[in-house]
């Protein structure tokens, strides 16, 4: 028993080691999320299930065995037995229409997997960049809190403060508490983002935080083609698949107007004396077919035709919306990178505030200027991060609209 448990634990451990993602770059985290996110796994399971729809559609009806036994008392005391073996032939192309419909349904499941992966790719990339931004914002907050703490300590160390210095001390204390609250908010946001990535990849927090992307430096001028004639993203592909499915459903509805033909050999035996001494044999074939008089499936055909028109309209609208979305995201992308290129780097601005702090220590400037300088630095950091995230969001949405998101690199 102990040996069995040891082998079981060793087997589980080896499986977990094999299935764990190897992470050395941010791209590895993205690749891992595309493979191991629960939504992706569930979509792939549905695809594996729907792949068997074609096998179901290919199935043929089983033969039907019919038997009839009659016995009665008359002047001959005869017994009659009839047996028929009927084979069902589906007329009107029912089987072919079913197979075509099942093929489209299986294809749709594959497109759902692709769309799930594209959505996971976008969220993973945004999460990784936001985590790196949170790190920079936390660094700015911690530097501000440390600076204000030093100023407060220096003011408290003086034997007597002027009214202005007392007000400054109080102001620095209040603002420091505000930055502490900002820090708590960022830590909570970071915890939520890391938890999502841990679920998506199974990679622990410490590894994720060690492999975050650097600030985006090289922005492609034209990340995708703006032509709308050959859209190939998952949303448009699904709309095309729905149109094809509606056509297949219409073919099935038309085929259901045709009856199923049942035909096969038939033979009968009759015991003329009732005791088996004199038996007659008859042979031939049996035929069974419904008469298509009362039901020609007009309702089903009308519904399928209306659904086909709906699918065609939906495809046209999807192409229009996708084209408009691509133009919108391209404008967002251009505006974001223009804003980033037109502003100074934070590092250069951060050196300027050190001079202001020196002036404050010498009594040359007021505390308001010191507090305002740190606030502006933090606001600029936040704004640049927001513009960077907007650019990343627009860029990857353009990749999705172009159908290249799964091949794109961070």
Protein backbone atom coordinates (compact mmCIF):
# COMPACT_ATOMS: atom_id res chain seq x y z
CA UNK A 1 0.00 0.00 0.00
CA UNK A 2 2.81 2.40 0.91
CA UNK A 3 4.61 1.59 -2.36
CA UNK A 4 1.40 2.29 -4.28
CA UNK A 5 1.00 5.71 -2.63
CA UNK A 6 4.63 6.58 -3.32
CA UNK A 7 4.24 5.69 -7.00
CA UNK A 8 0.97 7.61 -7.20
CA UNK A 9 2.48 10.77 -5.69
CA UNK A 10 5.53 10.43 -7.94
CA UNK A 11 3.30 10.06 -10.97
CA UNK A 12 1.27 13.13 -10.07
CA UNK A 13 4.44 15.11 -9.44
CA UNK A 14 5.94 14.07 -12.76
CA UNK A 15 2.75 15.00 -14.62
CA UNK A 16 2.65 18.41 -12.94
CA UNK A 17 6.27 19.01 -13.85
CA UNK A 18 5.66 18.08 -17.47
CA UNK A 19 2.55 20.26 -17.73
CA UNK A 20 4.08 23.32 -16.01
CA UNK A 21 4.98 26.25 -18.24
CA UNK A 22 8.60 27.28 -18.60
CA UNK A 23 8.75 31.06 -18.30
CA UNK A 24 11.84 33.07 -19.26
CA UNK A 25 10.20 35.98 -21.13
CA UNK A 26 6.82 37.79 -21.11
CA UNK A 27 6.05 36.02 -24.40
CA UNK A 28 6.23 32.68 -22.55
CA UNK A 29 3.51 33.88 -20.16
CA UNK A 30 1.30 34.82 -23.13
CA UNK A 31 1.92 31.46 -24.82
CA UNK A 32 1.09 29.67 -21.58
CA UNK A 33 -2.18 31.58 -21.16
CA UNK A 34 -3.22 30.69 -24.72
CA UNK A 35 -2.80 27.02 -23.88
CA UNK A 36 -3.91 26.73 -20.26
CA UNK A 37 -6.61 29.32 -19.64
CA UNK A 38 -9.82 27.57 -18.47
CA UNK A 39 -11.92 29.24 -21.19
CA UNK A 40 -9.54 27.99 -23.89
CA UNK A 41 -9.51 24.48 -22.45
CA UNK A 42 -13.30 24.45 -22.28
CA UNK A 43 -13.62 25.69 -25.87
CA UNK A 44 -11.19 23.03 -27.07
CA UNK A 45 -13.21 20.37 -25.23
CA UNK A 46 -16.35 21.57 -26.98
CA UNK A 47 -14.53 21.39 -30.31
CA UNK A 48 -13.43 17.81 -29.64
CA UNK A 49 -17.04 16.99 -28.80
CA UNK A 50 -18.45 18.69 -31.90
CA UNK A 51 -15.93 16.94 -34.16
CA UNK A 52 -18.04 13.81 -33.63
CA UNK A 53 -21.15 15.51 -35.08
CA UNK A 54 -20.05 14.42 -38.55
CA UNK A 55 -19.86 10.79 -37.37
CA UNK A 56 -23.39 11.10 -35.97
CA UNK A 57 -24.67 12.64 -39.21
CA UNK A 58 -23.18 9.78 -41.27
CA UNK A 59 -25.16 7.15 -39.38
CA UNK A 60 -27.84 5.30 -41.34
CA UNK A 61 -31.16 4.05 -39.95
CA UNK A 62 -31.16 0.45 -38.72
CA UNK A 63 -33.09 -2.24 -40.64
CA UNK A 64 -36.62 -2.86 -39.41
CA UNK A 65 -37.82 -6.43 -38.81
CA UNK A 66 -41.58 -6.84 -38.93
CA UNK A 67 -43.40 -10.07 -37.98
CA UNK A 68 -47.08 -10.93 -38.07
CA UNK A 69 -48.67 -14.08 -36.63
CA UNK A 70 -52.38 -14.83 -37.10
CA UNK A 71 -54.22 -17.87 -35.78
CA UNK A 72 -57.92 -18.61 -35.80
CA UNK A 73 -60.53 -21.34 -35.91
CA UNK A 74 -62.32 -21.77 -39.16
CA UNK A 75 -63.05 -24.68 -41.39
CA UNK A 76 -59.32 -25.03 -42.14
CA UNK A 77 -57.92 -24.21 -38.63
CA UNK A 78 -54.98 -22.39 -40.34
CA UNK A 79 -52.10 -20.36 -38.86
CA UNK A 80 -50.45 -17.49 -40.83
CA UNK A 81 -46.94 -16.04 -40.18
CA UNK A 82 -45.49 -13.09 -42.12
CA UNK A 83 -41.93 -11.70 -41.79
CA UNK A 84 -40.40 -8.65 -43.51
CA UNK A 85 -36.94 -7.07 -43.31
CA UNK A 86 -37.18 -3.39 -44.31
CA UNK A 87 -34.26 -1.14 -45.19
CA UNK A 88 -34.79 2.62 -44.87
CA UNK A 89 -33.68 4.83 -47.75
CA UNK A 90 -33.62 8.55 -46.95
CA UNK A 91 -34.82 10.46 -49.99
CA UNK A 92 -34.23 14.10 -50.85
CA UNK A 93 -30.56 14.13 -49.83
CA UNK A 94 -31.28 14.04 -46.09
CA UNK A 95 -28.06 12.28 -45.13
CA UNK A 96 -25.84 14.53 -47.26
CA UNK A 97 -27.54 17.63 -45.85
CA UNK A 98 -27.00 16.36 -42.30
CA UNK A 99 -23.31 15.74 -42.95
CA UNK A 100 -22.87 19.23 -44.44
CA UNK A 101 -24.61 20.78 -41.44
CA UNK A 102 -22.45 18.83 -38.98
CA UNK A 103 -19.27 19.90 -40.79
CA UNK A 104 -20.23 23.56 -40.41
CA UNK A 105 -21.03 23.11 -36.71
CA UNK A 106 -17.62 21.50 -36.15
CA UNK A 107 -15.97 24.38 -38.01
CA UNK A 108 -17.81 26.90 -35.80
CA UNK A 109 -16.43 25.21 -32.70
CA UNK A 110 -12.92 25.66 -34.07
CA UNK A 111 -13.61 29.35 -34.68
CA UNK A 112 -14.89 29.72 -31.10
CA UNK A 113 -11.55 28.34 -29.87
CA UNK A 114 -9.76 30.93 -31.98
CA UNK A 115 -11.93 33.78 -30.70
CA UNK A 116 -11.40 32.66 -27.11
CA UNK A 117 -7.65 32.65 -27.61
CA UNK A 118 -7.70 36.12 -29.17
CA UNK A 119 -9.64 37.50 -26.20
CA UNK A 120 -7.25 35.81 -23.76
CA UNK A 121 -4.26 37.16 -25.71
CA UNK A 122 -5.56 40.74 -25.46
CA UNK A 123 -6.30 40.51 -21.75
CA UNK A 124 -2.99 38.80 -20.97
CA UNK A 125 -0.95 41.43 -22.80
CA UNK A 126 -2.83 44.29 -21.13
CA UNK A 127 -2.41 42.63 -17.73
CA UNK A 128 1.34 42.20 -18.16
CA UNK A 129 1.85 45.80 -19.23
CA UNK A 130 -0.38 47.10 -16.44
CA UNK A 131 1.58 45.13 -13.84
CA UNK A 132 4.80 46.76 -15.04
CA UNK A 133 3.09 50.17 -14.90
CA UNK A 134 1.88 49.52 -11.36
CA UNK A 135 5.47 48.81 -10.39
CA UNK A 136 6.56 52.20 -11.75
CA UNK A 137 3.66 53.99 -10.06
CA UNK A 138 4.40 52.27 -6.75
CA UNK A 139 8.02 53.33 -7.08
CA UNK A 140 6.94 56.94 -7.62
CA UNK A 141 4.59 56.77 -4.61
CA UNK A 142 7.20 55.20 -2.35
CA UNK A 143 9.74 57.87 -3.33
CA UNK A 144 7.18 60.57 -2.54
CA UNK A 145 6.26 59.03 0.82
CA UNK A 146 9.95 58.69 1.70
CA UNK A 147 10.66 62.31 0.76
CA UNK A 148 7.73 63.65 2.74
CA UNK A 149 8.70 61.50 5.74
CA UNK A 150 12.22 62.95 5.70
CA UNK A 151 10.84 66.50 5.53
CA UNK A 152 8.41 65.81 8.39
CA UNK A 153 11.21 64.30 10.49
CA UNK A 154 13.44 67.29 9.78
CA UNK A 155 10.69 69.71 10.78
CA UNK A 156 9.94 67.78 13.99
CA UNK A 157 13.63 67.85 14.94
CA UNK A 158 13.65 71.65 15.11
CA UNK A 159 13.22 73.08 18.59
CA UNK A 160 10.54 75.52 17.51
CA UNK A 161 8.55 75.93 14.34
CA UNK A 162 7.21 79.05 12.79
CA UNK A 163 3.49 79.13 11.96
CA UNK A 164 4.33 78.55 8.30
CA UNK A 165 6.50 75.54 9.19
CA UNK A 166 3.73 74.09 11.36
CA UNK A 167 1.29 74.41 8.44
CA UNK A 168 3.86 72.80 6.14
CA UNK A 169 4.32 69.89 8.53
CA UNK A 170 0.57 69.35 8.70
CA UNK A 171 0.25 69.58 4.90
CA UNK A 172 3.03 67.07 4.30
CA UNK A 173 1.45 64.67 6.82
CA UNK A 174 -1.97 64.86 5.14
CA UNK A 175 -0.58 64.43 1.66
CA UNK A 176 1.59 61.52 2.81
CA UNK A 177 -1.54 59.73 4.10
CA UNK A 178 -3.20 60.31 0.73
CA UNK A 179 -0.27 58.68 -1.07
CA UNK A 180 -0.39 55.75 1.36
CA UNK A 181 -4.01 55.18 0.35
CA UNK A 182 -3.01 55.39 -3.32
CA UNK A 183 -0.35 52.77 -2.63
CA UNK A 184 -2.91 50.41 -1.04
CA UNK A 185 -5.19 50.84 -4.07
CA UNK A 186 -2.37 49.96 -6.47
CA UNK A 187 -1.39 46.91 -4.40
CA UNK A 188 -4.99 45.70 -4.50
CA UNK A 189 -5.12 46.20 -8.28
CA UNK A 190 -1.84 44.32 -8.65
CA UNK A 191 -3.13 41.42 -6.54
CA UNK A 192 -6.23 41.09 -8.73
CA UNK A 193 -4.23 41.12 -11.96
CA UNK A 194 -1.69 38.60 -10.67
CA UNK A 195 -4.50 36.31 -9.45
CA UNK A 196 -6.04 36.35 -12.94
CA UNK A 197 -2.70 35.45 -14.54
CA UNK A 198 -2.13 32.66 -12.02
CA UNK A 199 -5.49 31.14 -12.97
CA UNK A 200 -4.78 31.64 -16.67
CA UNK A 201 -1.30 30.12 -16.66
CA UNK A 202 -0.68 28.25 -13.42
CA UNK A 203 2.55 30.27 -13.07
CA UNK A 204 3.22 31.55 -9.52
CA UNK A 205 3.26 35.26 -8.68
CA UNK A 206 6.98 35.63 -8.09
CA UNK A 207 7.80 34.28 -11.56
CA UNK A 208 5.17 36.47 -13.24
CA UNK A 209 6.49 39.64 -11.59
CA UNK A 210 10.04 38.78 -12.67
CA UNK A 211 9.10 38.63 -16.36
CA UNK A 212 7.10 41.75 -17.16
CA UNK A 213 7.47 43.57 -20.52
CA UNK A 214 9.61 46.69 -20.79
CA UNK A 215 8.04 50.03 -21.71
CA UNK A 216 6.97 49.98 -25.33
CA UNK A 217 9.65 51.80 -27.31
CA UNK A 218 9.14 50.72 -30.91
CA UNK A 219 5.61 51.38 -32.14
CA UNK A 220 4.89 50.17 -35.70
CA UNK A 221 3.62 52.97 -37.90
CA UNK A 222 1.10 50.81 -39.77
CA UNK A 223 0.48 47.67 -37.69
CA UNK A 224 -2.21 46.28 -40.02
CA UNK A 225 -3.65 46.77 -43.46
CA UNK A 226 -6.59 49.17 -43.56
CA UNK A 227 -8.19 47.40 -46.52
CA UNK A 228 -11.63 46.00 -45.74
CA UNK A 229 -12.15 43.74 -48.73
CA UNK A 230 -10.45 40.69 -47.24
CA UNK A 231 -11.28 40.64 -43.53
CA UNK A 232 -10.24 37.35 -41.95
CA UNK A 233 -10.73 37.77 -38.20
CA UNK A 234 -12.64 35.28 -36.05
CA UNK A 235 -15.76 37.46 -35.72
CA UNK A 236 -16.20 37.77 -39.48
CA UNK A 237 -15.34 34.11 -39.95
CA UNK A 238 -18.05 33.15 -37.44
CA UNK A 239 -20.57 35.33 -39.28
CA UNK A 240 -19.64 33.62 -42.54
CA UNK A 241 -19.95 30.26 -40.82
CA UNK A 242 -23.43 31.18 -39.56
CA UNK A 243 -24.43 32.10 -43.11
CA UNK A 244 -23.17 28.73 -44.37
CA UNK A 245 -24.96 26.96 -41.51
CA UNK A 246 -28.21 28.72 -42.40
CA UNK A 247 -27.81 27.47 -45.98
CA UNK A 248 -27.26 23.93 -44.72
CA UNK A 249 -30.32 24.21 -42.44
CA UNK A 250 -32.35 25.34 -45.44
CA UNK A 251 -31.20 22.28 -47.39
CA UNK A 252 -32.23 20.04 -44.47
CA UNK A 253 -35.66 21.69 -44.32
CA UNK A 254 -36.16 21.04 -48.04
CA UNK A 255 -35.03 17.43 -47.67
CA UNK A 256 -37.57 16.81 -44.89
CA UNK A 257 -40.36 17.39 -47.40
CA UNK A 258 -39.35 14.06 -48.97
CA UNK A 259 -40.58 10.83 -47.33
CA UNK A 260 -38.36 7.96 -46.24
CA UNK A 261 -38.72 4.81 -48.31
CA UNK A 262 -38.73 1.44 -46.55
CA UNK A 263 -38.32 -1.60 -48.76
CA UNK A 264 -37.09 -5.14 -48.27
CA UNK A 265 -37.74 -8.89 -48.68
CA UNK A 266 -40.86 -10.44 -47.21
CA UNK A 267 -42.06 -14.02 -46.84
CA UNK A 268 -45.06 -15.76 -45.29
CA UNK A 269 -45.86 -19.27 -44.12
CA UNK A 270 -49.33 -20.73 -43.66
CA UNK A 271 -50.18 -23.91 -41.77
CA UNK A 272 -53.31 -25.04 -43.61
CA UNK A 273 -54.35 -27.84 -41.20
CA UNK A 274 -53.15 -26.15 -38.03
CA UNK A 275 -50.85 -29.05 -37.12
CA UNK A 276 -47.85 -28.45 -39.44
CA UNK A 277 -48.70 -31.34 -41.78
CA UNK A 278 -49.57 -29.05 -44.67
CA UNK A 279 -47.61 -25.77 -44.94
CA UNK A 280 -47.61 -23.17 -47.74
CA UNK A 281 -44.80 -20.68 -48.44
CA UNK A 282 -45.08 -17.23 -50.07
CA UNK A 283 -42.29 -14.75 -50.88
CA UNK A 284 -41.93 -11.22 -52.25
CA UNK A 285 -41.08 -7.77 -51.00
CA UNK A 286 -42.63 -5.12 -48.77
CA UNK A 287 -42.79 -1.41 -49.47
CA UNK A 288 -43.61 1.38 -47.04
CA UNK A 289 -43.60 5.07 -47.86
CA UNK A 290 -45.49 8.01 -46.31
CA UNK A 291 -47.69 9.94 -48.73
CA UNK A 292 -46.51 13.60 -48.76
CA UNK A 293 -49.97 15.14 -48.86
CA UNK A 294 -50.70 16.70 -45.48
CA UNK A 295 -47.17 17.75 -44.56
CA UNK A 296 -44.66 19.19 -47.02
CA UNK A 297 -42.67 20.96 -44.26
CA UNK A 298 -43.68 24.38 -45.56
CA UNK A 299 -43.25 25.91 -42.10
CA UNK A 300 -39.76 24.49 -41.67
CA UNK A 301 -38.70 25.68 -45.13
CA UNK A 302 -40.08 29.17 -44.52
CA UNK A 303 -38.28 29.39 -41.17
CA UNK A 304 -35.00 28.19 -42.70
CA UNK A 305 -35.30 30.68 -45.55
CA UNK A 306 -35.92 33.54 -43.10
CA UNK A 307 -32.94 32.45 -41.02
CA UNK A 308 -30.80 32.38 -44.14
CA UNK A 309 -31.78 35.97 -44.92
CA UNK A 310 -30.98 36.93 -41.32
CA UNK A 311 -27.54 35.32 -41.55
CA UNK A 312 -26.75 37.13 -44.80
CA UNK A 313 -27.75 40.46 -43.26
CA UNK A 314 -25.73 39.69 -40.13
CA UNK A 315 -22.64 38.97 -42.25
CA UNK A 316 -22.95 42.29 -44.07
CA UNK A 317 -23.44 44.18 -40.79
CA UNK A 318 -20.52 42.35 -39.16
CA UNK A 319 -18.21 43.34 -42.01
CA UNK A 320 -19.37 46.95 -41.75
CA UNK A 321 -18.92 47.05 -37.96
CA UNK A 322 -15.51 45.40 -38.22
CA UNK A 323 -14.37 47.95 -40.80
CA UNK A 324 -15.56 50.83 -38.62
CA UNK A 325 -13.93 49.25 -35.55
CA UNK A 326 -10.63 48.92 -37.38
CA UNK A 327 -10.68 52.62 -38.32
CA UNK A 328 -11.56 53.58 -34.73
CA UNK A 329 -8.80 51.48 -33.18
CA UNK A 330 -6.26 52.82 -35.68
CA UNK A 331 -7.16 56.39 -34.67
CA UNK A 332 -6.84 55.49 -30.98
CA UNK A 333 -3.48 53.91 -31.70
CA UNK A 334 -2.15 56.93 -33.58
CA UNK A 335 -3.37 59.37 -30.92
CA UNK A 336 -1.76 57.34 -28.11
CA UNK A 337 1.68 57.04 -29.69
CA UNK A 338 1.58 60.72 -30.70
CA UNK A 339 0.89 61.68 -27.08
CA UNK A 340 3.73 59.47 -25.82
CA UNK A 341 6.23 60.85 -28.33
CA UNK A 342 5.31 64.45 -27.63
CA UNK A 343 5.94 64.34 -23.86
CA UNK A 344 9.21 64.21 -21.94
CA UNK A 345 10.41 61.06 -20.25
CA UNK A 346 9.61 60.77 -16.55
CA UNK A 347 13.28 60.27 -15.63
CA UNK A 348 14.17 63.70 -16.92
CA UNK A 349 11.34 65.35 -15.03
CA UNK A 350 12.16 63.52 -11.80
CA UNK A 351 15.59 65.13 -11.56
CA UNK A 352 14.02 68.58 -11.61
CA UNK A 353 12.00 68.05 -8.45
CA UNK A 354 15.16 67.31 -6.45
CA UNK A 355 16.24 70.91 -6.95
CA UNK A 356 12.90 72.14 -5.62
CA UNK A 357 13.34 70.00 -2.49
CA UNK A 358 16.79 71.57 -1.95
CA UNK A 359 15.26 75.02 -2.29
CA UNK A 360 12.59 74.07 0.26
CA UNK A 361 15.22 72.92 2.77
CA UNK A 362 16.91 76.32 2.37
CA UNK A 363 13.58 78.08 2.88
CA UNK A 364 13.52 79.51 -0.65
CA UNK A 365 10.20 77.90 -1.71
CA UNK A 366 7.01 76.96 0.08
CA UNK A 367 5.74 73.48 0.88
CA UNK A 368 2.95 73.96 -1.65
CA UNK A 369 5.45 73.89 -4.50
CA UNK A 370 7.04 70.68 -3.24
CA UNK A 371 3.69 68.95 -2.81
CA UNK A 372 2.46 70.18 -6.20
CA UNK A 373 5.64 69.02 -7.93
CA UNK A 374 5.26 65.49 -6.58
CA UNK A 375 1.57 65.45 -7.47
CA UNK A 376 2.33 66.51 -11.02
CA UNK A 377 5.05 63.87 -11.37
CA UNK A 378 2.65 61.17 -10.20
CA UNK A 379 -0.14 62.45 -12.47
CA UNK A 380 2.20 62.51 -15.47
CA UNK A 381 3.34 58.98 -14.68
CA UNK A 382 -0.28 57.82 -14.51
CA UNK A 383 -1.23 59.67 -17.70
CA UNK A 384 1.72 58.28 -19.68
CA UNK A 385 0.87 54.81 -18.45
CA UNK A 386 -2.77 55.28 -19.50
CA UNK A 387 -1.68 56.39 -22.97
CA UNK A 388 0.72 53.46 -23.26
CA UNK A 389 -2.01 51.04 -22.23
CA UNK A 390 -4.41 52.66 -24.70
CA UNK A 391 -1.84 52.21 -27.45
CA UNK A 392 -1.26 48.57 -26.49
CA UNK A 393 -5.01 47.93 -26.32
CA UNK A 394 -5.60 49.51 -29.74
CA UNK A 395 -2.60 47.72 -31.28
CA UNK A 396 -3.69 44.26 -30.17
CA UNK A 397 -7.31 44.91 -31.12
CA UNK A 398 -6.04 45.78 -34.57
CA UNK A 399 -4.13 42.49 -34.60
CA UNK A 400 -7.36 40.69 -33.65
CA UNK A 401 -9.35 42.50 -36.36
CA UNK A 402 -6.65 41.58 -38.86
CA UNK A 403 -6.60 37.96 -37.68
CA UNK A 404 -2.90 37.99 -36.69
CA UNK A 405 -3.15 38.29 -32.90
CA UNK A 406 -2.14 34.68 -32.23
CA UNK A 407 1.12 35.21 -34.17
CA UNK A 408 1.94 38.64 -32.72
CA UNK A 409 4.74 39.17 -30.21
CA UNK A 410 4.71 41.29 -27.07
